[in-house]
Amino acid sequence: MTSHALASASFTITGDRVTPDWWTQYFGVQPDVAVTKGEPLKDWTGQGRTFARRTGVWGIDSEKAVRSDQLAPHLRYLVRVLELPRSDLKAHIESVGAKMRFFCYWVNEAGDRVPDVPDDIRTIMESLGGTIEIDEYR
């Protein structure tokens, strides 16, 4: 493995009515990102403008916990930590009009690597109404 990981994954729930504290309690996992729609943002330009978060987000990532240049170990870590699938998760997501996804980071500079998303994980996300997205860097 190189000094910079060639793969990682995150699980996020996004939406205007996402309440991060509720999702933290539901999963029993401390998130890596937790923001509520409307939370103020700092104006980094120093011009005193008012900015607010455009949507709510709750998510965790695999980057600190998994050392692998393949996606499967990262995705399996997230599935295990979140205890997926959960029979009531899809209903909770739908009740707040949210979306969920696995977002995968994939470095493929040589163009010879194929992302390894296991079929069982694809099936889990499909059954829950979520998506798997791969952001490939060449």
N, C-alpha and C. Protein backbone atom coordinates (compact mmCIF):
# COMPACT_ATOMS: atom_id res chain seq x y z
N MET A 1 0.84 -1.18 0.00
CA MET A 1 0.00 0.00 0.00
C MET A 1 0.88 1.24 0.00
N THR A 2 0.48 2.23 -0.73
CA THR A 2 1.23 3.47 -0.77
C THR A 2 0.98 4.26 0.50
N SER A 3 1.72 5.36 0.70
CA SER A 3 1.53 6.17 1.89
C SER A 3 0.19 6.89 1.86
N HIS A 4 -0.38 7.06 0.69
CA HIS A 4 -1.69 7.67 0.56
C HIS A 4 -2.67 6.62 0.06
N ALA A 5 -3.74 6.41 0.82
CA ALA A 5 -4.70 5.36 0.47
C ALA A 5 -5.29 5.60 -0.91
N LEU A 6 -5.47 4.52 -1.63
CA LEU A 6 -6.04 4.59 -2.98
C LEU A 6 -7.54 4.35 -2.97
N ALA A 7 -8.11 4.08 -1.79
CA ALA A 7 -9.55 3.83 -1.69
C ALA A 7 -10.03 4.19 -0.29
N SER A 8 -11.27 4.64 -0.22
CA SER A 8 -11.97 4.83 1.06
C SER A 8 -13.46 4.94 0.74
N ALA A 9 -14.27 4.91 1.78
CA ALA A 9 -15.71 4.99 1.58
C ALA A 9 -16.35 5.72 2.74
N SER A 10 -17.49 6.32 2.46
CA SER A 10 -18.28 6.96 3.51
C SER A 10 -19.74 6.60 3.32
N PHE A 11 -20.49 6.72 4.39
CA PHE A 11 -21.94 6.51 4.37
C PHE A 11 -22.55 7.82 4.83
N THR A 12 -23.45 8.38 4.02
CA THR A 12 -24.08 9.63 4.41
C THR A 12 -25.59 9.57 4.23
N ILE A 13 -26.25 10.30 5.10
CA ILE A 13 -27.68 10.55 5.00
C ILE A 13 -27.81 12.06 4.87
N THR A 14 -28.50 12.50 3.83
CA THR A 14 -28.64 13.93 3.58
C THR A 14 -30.10 14.30 3.36
N GLY A 15 -30.43 15.52 3.75
CA GLY A 15 -31.77 16.02 3.51
C GLY A 15 -32.09 17.20 4.40
N ASP A 16 -33.07 17.96 3.99
CA ASP A 16 -33.44 19.17 4.72
C ASP A 16 -33.93 18.88 6.14
N ARG A 17 -34.50 17.70 6.35
CA ARG A 17 -35.04 17.37 7.68
C ARG A 17 -34.19 16.34 8.42
N VAL A 18 -32.93 16.21 8.03
CA VAL A 18 -32.01 15.31 8.72
C VAL A 18 -31.61 15.95 10.05
N THR A 19 -31.85 15.23 11.13
CA THR A 19 -31.48 15.68 12.47
C THR A 19 -30.33 14.80 12.94
N PRO A 20 -29.11 15.32 12.91
CA PRO A 20 -27.94 14.49 13.21
C PRO A 20 -28.01 13.75 14.54
N ASP A 21 -28.50 14.39 15.60
CA ASP A 21 -28.56 13.72 16.90
C ASP A 21 -29.43 12.47 16.85
N TRP A 22 -30.53 12.54 16.09
CA TRP A 22 -31.42 11.39 15.98
C TRP A 22 -30.68 10.22 15.33
N TRP A 23 -29.94 10.50 14.25
CA TRP A 23 -29.22 9.43 13.53
C TRP A 23 -28.07 8.88 14.37
N THR A 24 -27.43 9.73 15.15
CA THR A 24 -26.36 9.25 16.04
C THR A 24 -26.93 8.26 17.04
N GLN A 25 -28.09 8.58 17.60
CA GLN A 25 -28.73 7.67 18.55
C GLN A 25 -29.21 6.39 17.85
N TYR A 26 -29.78 6.53 16.67
CA TYR A 26 -30.29 5.39 15.92
C TYR A 26 -29.19 4.37 15.63
N PHE A 27 -28.05 4.85 15.12
CA PHE A 27 -26.96 3.95 14.77
C PHE A 27 -26.05 3.61 15.96
N GLY A 28 -26.06 4.47 17.00
CA GLY A 28 -25.16 4.24 18.12
C GLY A 28 -23.72 4.44 17.74
N VAL A 29 -23.48 5.33 16.78
CA VAL A 29 -22.14 5.58 16.25
C VAL A 29 -21.92 7.09 16.21
N GLN A 30 -20.74 7.52 16.66
CA GLN A 30 -20.41 8.94 16.56
C GLN A 30 -20.05 9.26 15.11
N PRO A 31 -20.69 10.27 14.53
CA PRO A 31 -20.45 10.59 13.12
C PRO A 31 -19.14 11.34 12.89
N ASP A 32 -18.67 11.26 11.67
CA ASP A 32 -17.53 12.07 11.25
C ASP A 32 -18.01 13.43 10.73
N VAL A 33 -19.27 13.48 10.31
CA VAL A 33 -19.89 14.73 9.89
C VAL A 33 -21.32 14.74 10.40
N ALA A 34 -21.73 15.87 10.97
CA ALA A 34 -23.09 16.01 11.48
C ALA A 34 -23.45 17.49 11.45
N VAL A 35 -24.29 17.85 10.48
CA VAL A 35 -24.71 19.25 10.37
C VAL A 35 -26.22 19.31 10.14
N THR A 36 -26.81 20.39 10.62
CA THR A 36 -28.24 20.61 10.49
C THR A 36 -28.48 21.75 9.51
N LYS A 37 -29.48 21.59 8.66
CA LYS A 37 -29.83 22.65 7.72
C LYS A 37 -30.08 23.94 8.50
N GLY A 38 -29.54 25.02 7.99
CA GLY A 38 -29.72 26.33 8.61
C GLY A 38 -28.65 26.73 9.59
N GLU A 39 -27.78 25.80 9.99
CA GLU A 39 -26.68 26.15 10.90
C GLU A 39 -25.84 27.23 10.24
N PRO A 40 -25.43 28.22 11.01
CA PRO A 40 -24.61 29.29 10.42
C PRO A 40 -23.22 28.81 10.03
N LEU A 41 -22.72 29.39 8.96
CA LEU A 41 -21.36 29.13 8.49
C LEU A 41 -20.56 30.41 8.58
N LYS A 42 -19.29 30.27 8.86
CA LYS A 42 -18.41 31.44 8.93
C LYS A 42 -18.12 31.96 7.53
N ASP A 43 -18.13 33.27 7.39
CA ASP A 43 -17.74 33.90 6.13
C ASP A 43 -16.22 34.01 6.12
N TRP A 44 -15.59 33.08 5.43
CA TRP A 44 -14.12 33.02 5.41
C TRP A 44 -13.49 34.19 4.69
N THR A 45 -14.28 34.97 3.95
CA THR A 45 -13.72 36.13 3.25
C THR A 45 -13.57 37.34 4.17
N GLY A 46 -14.22 37.28 5.34
CA GLY A 46 -14.15 38.40 6.27
C GLY A 46 -15.06 39.55 5.91
N GLN A 47 -15.97 39.35 4.97
CA GLN A 47 -16.85 40.42 4.52
C GLN A 47 -18.12 40.54 5.37
N GLY A 48 -18.27 39.68 6.38
CA GLY A 48 -19.41 39.76 7.28
C GLY A 48 -20.73 39.26 6.70
N ARG A 49 -20.65 38.49 5.62
CA ARG A 49 -21.87 37.96 5.02
C ARG A 49 -22.43 36.84 5.88
N THR A 50 -23.72 36.59 5.76
CA THR A 50 -24.38 35.53 6.50
C THR A 50 -24.60 34.33 5.60
N PHE A 51 -24.07 33.19 6.02
CA PHE A 51 -24.24 31.94 5.29
C PHE A 51 -24.83 30.90 6.24
N ALA A 52 -25.57 29.97 5.66
CA ALA A 52 -26.13 28.88 6.46
C ALA A 52 -26.03 27.57 5.68
N ARG A 53 -25.97 26.48 6.41
CA ARG A 53 -25.94 25.15 5.79
C ARG A 53 -27.19 24.97 4.94
N ARG A 54 -26.99 24.46 3.72
CA ARG A 54 -28.11 24.30 2.79
C ARG A 54 -28.91 23.03 3.01
N THR A 55 -28.31 22.04 3.70
CA THR A 55 -29.02 20.80 3.97
C THR A 55 -28.40 20.13 5.19
N GLY A 56 -29.10 19.15 5.72
CA GLY A 56 -28.58 18.40 6.84
C GLY A 56 -27.77 17.21 6.35
N VAL A 57 -26.76 16.82 7.12
CA VAL A 57 -25.91 15.69 6.75
C VAL A 57 -25.51 14.94 8.02
N TRP A 58 -25.59 13.62 7.94
CA TRP A 58 -25.04 12.75 8.98
C TRP A 58 -24.21 11.70 8.25
N GLY A 59 -22.98 11.48 8.70
CA GLY A 59 -22.17 10.48 8.00
C GLY A 59 -20.97 10.00 8.77
N ILE A 60 -20.51 8.83 8.35
CA ILE A 60 -19.26 8.28 8.87
C ILE A 60 -18.41 7.84 7.69
N ASP A 61 -17.10 7.76 7.93
CA ASP A 61 -16.22 7.29 6.86
C ASP A 61 -15.30 6.20 7.37
N SER A 62 -14.64 5.56 6.44
CA SER A 62 -13.79 4.41 6.75
C SER A 62 -12.31 4.77 6.82
N GLU A 63 -11.98 5.96 6.44
CA GLU A 63 -10.58 6.33 6.21
C GLU A 63 -9.65 6.08 7.40
N LYS A 64 -10.09 6.40 8.61
CA LYS A 64 -9.22 6.22 9.78
C LYS A 64 -9.20 4.79 10.28
N ALA A 65 -10.23 4.03 10.00
CA ALA A 65 -10.37 2.69 10.56
C ALA A 65 -9.86 1.57 9.66
N VAL A 66 -9.80 1.81 8.35
CA VAL A 66 -9.46 0.74 7.40
C VAL A 66 -8.24 1.15 6.59
N ARG A 67 -7.29 0.24 6.48
CA ARG A 67 -6.11 0.45 5.65
C ARG A 67 -6.15 -0.54 4.50
N SER A 68 -6.70 -0.12 3.39
CA SER A 68 -6.76 -0.99 2.21
C SER A 68 -6.91 -0.13 0.97
N ASP A 69 -6.30 -0.57 -0.11
CA ASP A 69 -6.44 0.12 -1.39
C ASP A 69 -7.61 -0.43 -2.19
N GLN A 70 -8.37 -1.35 -1.60
CA GLN A 70 -9.57 -1.91 -2.23
C GLN A 70 -10.80 -1.36 -1.52
N LEU A 71 -11.92 -1.28 -2.23
CA LEU A 71 -13.14 -0.75 -1.64
C LEU A 71 -13.84 -1.74 -0.71
N ALA A 72 -13.81 -3.01 -1.03
CA ALA A 72 -14.57 -3.99 -0.26
C ALA A 72 -14.33 -3.90 1.25
N PRO A 73 -13.09 -3.83 1.73
CA PRO A 73 -12.89 -3.73 3.18
C PRO A 73 -13.49 -2.45 3.78
N HIS A 74 -13.43 -1.37 3.05
CA HIS A 74 -14.01 -0.10 3.52
C HIS A 74 -15.53 -0.21 3.62
N LEU A 75 -16.15 -0.77 2.59
CA LEU A 75 -17.60 -0.92 2.59
C LEU A 75 -18.05 -1.92 3.66
N ARG A 76 -17.33 -3.01 3.80
CA ARG A 76 -17.68 -4.01 4.81
C ARG A 76 -17.57 -3.43 6.23
N TYR A 77 -16.59 -2.58 6.44
CA TYR A 77 -16.46 -1.89 7.73
C TYR A 77 -17.71 -1.06 8.01
N LEU A 78 -18.14 -0.27 7.04
CA LEU A 78 -19.32 0.58 7.23
C LEU A 78 -20.57 -0.26 7.47
N VAL A 79 -20.74 -1.33 6.71
CA VAL A 79 -21.89 -2.22 6.89
C VAL A 79 -21.89 -2.80 8.30
N ARG A 80 -20.72 -3.22 8.77
CA ARG A 80 -20.61 -3.82 10.10
C ARG A 80 -20.90 -2.79 11.20
N VAL A 81 -20.27 -1.62 11.13
CA VAL A 81 -20.44 -0.60 12.16
C VAL A 81 -21.90 -0.10 12.22
N LEU A 82 -22.53 0.03 11.08
CA LEU A 82 -23.90 0.53 11.02
C LEU A 82 -24.94 -0.57 11.18
N GLU A 83 -24.47 -1.82 11.23
CA GLU A 83 -25.34 -2.98 11.36
C GLU A 83 -26.39 -3.03 10.25
N LEU A 84 -25.91 -2.90 9.02
CA LEU A 84 -26.79 -2.94 7.86
C LEU A 84 -26.94 -4.36 7.36
N PRO A 85 -28.07 -4.73 6.81
CA PRO A 85 -29.25 -3.89 6.65
C PRO A 85 -30.07 -3.84 7.95
N ARG A 86 -30.88 -2.82 8.08
CA ARG A 86 -31.80 -2.65 9.20
C ARG A 86 -33.21 -2.60 8.62
N SER A 87 -34.10 -3.36 9.21
CA SER A 87 -35.44 -3.49 8.63
C SER A 87 -36.22 -2.19 8.60
N ASP A 88 -35.93 -1.27 9.51
CA ASP A 88 -36.70 -0.02 9.58
C ASP A 88 -35.98 1.19 8.96
N LEU A 89 -34.77 1.00 8.47
CA LEU A 89 -33.97 2.13 7.98
C LEU A 89 -34.62 2.81 6.79
N LYS A 90 -35.09 2.06 5.82
CA LYS A 90 -35.68 2.66 4.63
C LYS A 90 -36.89 3.53 5.01
N ALA A 91 -37.72 3.04 5.92
CA ALA A 91 -38.89 3.81 6.36
C ALA A 91 -38.47 5.11 7.05
N HIS A 92 -37.43 5.05 7.87
CA HIS A 92 -36.94 6.27 8.53
C HIS A 92 -36.41 7.28 7.51
N ILE A 93 -35.67 6.79 6.54
CA ILE A 93 -35.13 7.66 5.49
C ILE A 93 -36.28 8.33 4.74
N GLU A 94 -37.25 7.54 4.33
CA GLU A 94 -38.40 8.06 3.57
C GLU A 94 -39.23 9.04 4.40
N SER A 95 -39.37 8.79 5.70
CA SER A 95 -40.21 9.65 6.53
C SER A 95 -39.69 11.07 6.66
N VAL A 96 -38.39 11.26 6.47
CA VAL A 96 -37.83 12.62 6.53
C VAL A 96 -37.40 13.12 5.15
N GLY A 97 -37.75 12.36 4.11
CA GLY A 97 -37.40 12.78 2.75
C GLY A 97 -35.91 12.84 2.50
N ALA A 98 -35.17 11.96 3.14
CA ALA A 98 -33.71 11.99 3.03
C ALA A 98 -33.23 11.02 1.94
N LYS A 99 -31.93 11.10 1.69
CA LYS A 99 -31.25 10.18 0.77
C LYS A 99 -30.06 9.60 1.51
N MET A 100 -29.69 8.38 1.16
CA MET A 100 -28.49 7.78 1.74
C MET A 100 -27.63 7.19 0.64
N ARG A 101 -26.34 7.19 0.92
CA ARG A 101 -25.43 6.65 -0.09
C ARG A 101 -24.13 6.21 0.55
N PHE A 102 -23.48 5.29 -0.15
CA PHE A 102 -22.07 5.03 0.07
C PHE A 102 -21.35 5.86 -0.98
N PHE A 103 -20.41 6.66 -0.56
CA PHE A 103 -19.60 7.45 -1.49
C PHE A 103 -18.19 6.90 -1.41
N CYS A 104 -17.69 6.44 -2.55
CA CYS A 104 -16.39 5.77 -2.60
C CYS A 104 -15.35 6.63 -3.31
N TYR A 105 -14.20 6.73 -2.67
CA TYR A 105 -13.04 7.43 -3.23
C TYR A 105 -12.15 6.36 -3.84
N TRP A 106 -11.76 6.54 -5.11
CA TRP A 106 -11.05 5.50 -5.85
C TRP A 106 -9.98 6.14 -6.72
N VAL A 107 -8.71 5.89 -6.40
CA VAL A 107 -7.61 6.42 -7.20
C VAL A 107 -7.21 5.36 -8.21
N ASN A 108 -7.14 5.77 -9.48
CA ASN A 108 -6.84 4.83 -10.56
C ASN A 108 -5.99 5.53 -11.61
N GLU A 109 -4.87 6.07 -11.18
CA GLU A 109 -4.02 6.85 -12.09
C GLU A 109 -3.57 6.06 -13.30
N ALA A 110 -3.25 4.79 -13.11
CA ALA A 110 -2.78 3.96 -14.22
C ALA A 110 -3.92 3.47 -15.11
N GLY A 111 -5.15 3.56 -14.61
CA GLY A 111 -6.30 3.09 -15.37
C GLY A 111 -6.46 1.58 -15.38
N ASP A 112 -5.78 0.90 -14.48
CA ASP A 112 -5.83 -0.56 -14.48
C ASP A 112 -6.50 -1.17 -13.24
N ARG A 113 -7.12 -0.33 -12.43
CA ARG A 113 -7.80 -0.83 -11.23
C ARG A 113 -9.31 -0.81 -11.45
N VAL A 114 -9.97 -1.85 -10.99
CA VAL A 114 -11.42 -1.95 -11.12
C VAL A 114 -12.02 -1.90 -9.71
N PRO A 115 -12.94 -0.97 -9.45
CA PRO A 115 -13.55 -0.89 -8.12
C PRO A 115 -14.24 -2.20 -7.74
N ASP A 116 -14.00 -2.66 -6.54
CA ASP A 116 -14.53 -3.94 -6.08
C ASP A 116 -15.66 -3.74 -5.07
N VAL A 117 -16.86 -3.48 -5.59
CA VAL A 117 -18.04 -3.36 -4.73
C VAL A 117 -18.73 -4.72 -4.71
N PRO A 118 -18.71 -5.38 -3.55
CA PRO A 118 -19.31 -6.72 -3.47
C PRO A 118 -20.81 -6.71 -3.79
N ASP A 119 -21.26 -7.77 -4.43
CA ASP A 119 -22.67 -7.89 -4.82
C ASP A 119 -23.61 -7.81 -3.63
N ASP A 120 -23.23 -8.40 -2.49
CA ASP A 120 -24.12 -8.37 -1.33
C ASP A 120 -24.31 -6.94 -0.81
N ILE A 121 -23.29 -6.12 -0.92
CA ILE A 121 -23.41 -4.73 -0.48
C ILE A 121 -24.26 -3.93 -1.47
N ARG A 122 -24.10 -4.21 -2.76
CA ARG A 122 -24.98 -3.59 -3.76
C ARG A 122 -26.44 -3.94 -3.47
N THR A 123 -26.69 -5.20 -3.14
CA THR A 123 -28.05 -5.66 -2.84
C THR A 123 -28.60 -4.98 -1.59
N ILE A 124 -27.77 -4.83 -0.57
CA ILE A 124 -28.21 -4.15 0.66
C ILE A 124 -28.64 -2.72 0.35
N MET A 125 -27.79 -1.99 -0.34
CA MET A 125 -28.12 -0.59 -0.62
C MET A 125 -29.34 -0.47 -1.52
N GLU A 126 -29.45 -1.35 -2.48
CA GLU A 126 -30.62 -1.32 -3.36
C GLU A 126 -31.90 -1.58 -2.56
N SER A 127 -31.86 -2.54 -1.64
CA SER A 127 -33.05 -2.87 -0.84
C SER A 127 -33.43 -1.73 0.10
N LEU A 128 -32.45 -0.92 0.50
CA LEU A 128 -32.71 0.20 1.40
C LEU A 128 -33.04 1.50 0.65
N GLY A 129 -32.96 1.45 -0.67
CA GLY A 129 -33.23 2.65 -1.46
C GLY A 129 -32.06 3.60 -1.54
N GLY A 130 -30.88 3.14 -1.16
CA GLY A 130 -29.69 3.98 -1.22
C GLY A 130 -28.90 3.77 -2.50
N THR A 131 -27.83 4.53 -2.64
CA THR A 131 -26.99 4.44 -3.83
C THR A 131 -25.54 4.21 -3.42
N ILE A 132 -24.77 3.74 -4.39
CA ILE A 132 -23.33 3.60 -4.25
C ILE A 132 -22.71 4.43 -5.37
N GLU A 133 -21.93 5.42 -4.98
CA GLU A 133 -21.29 6.28 -5.96
C GLU A 133 -19.77 6.14 -5.83
N ILE A 134 -19.11 6.11 -6.99
CA ILE A 134 -17.66 5.99 -7.01
C ILE A 134 -17.07 7.21 -7.69
N ASP A 135 -16.23 7.93 -6.96
CA ASP A 135 -15.54 9.09 -7.49
C ASP A 135 -14.12 8.64 -7.84
N GLU A 136 -13.88 8.43 -9.15
CA GLU A 136 -12.62 7.88 -9.60
C GLU A 136 -11.67 9.00 -10.02
N TYR A 137 -10.45 8.91 -9.55
CA TYR A 137 -9.41 9.90 -9.87
C TYR A 137 -8.36 9.24 -10.74
N ARG A 138 -8.10 9.86 -11.90
CA ARG A 138 -7.07 9.34 -12.81
C ARG A 138 -5.95 10.33 -12.96
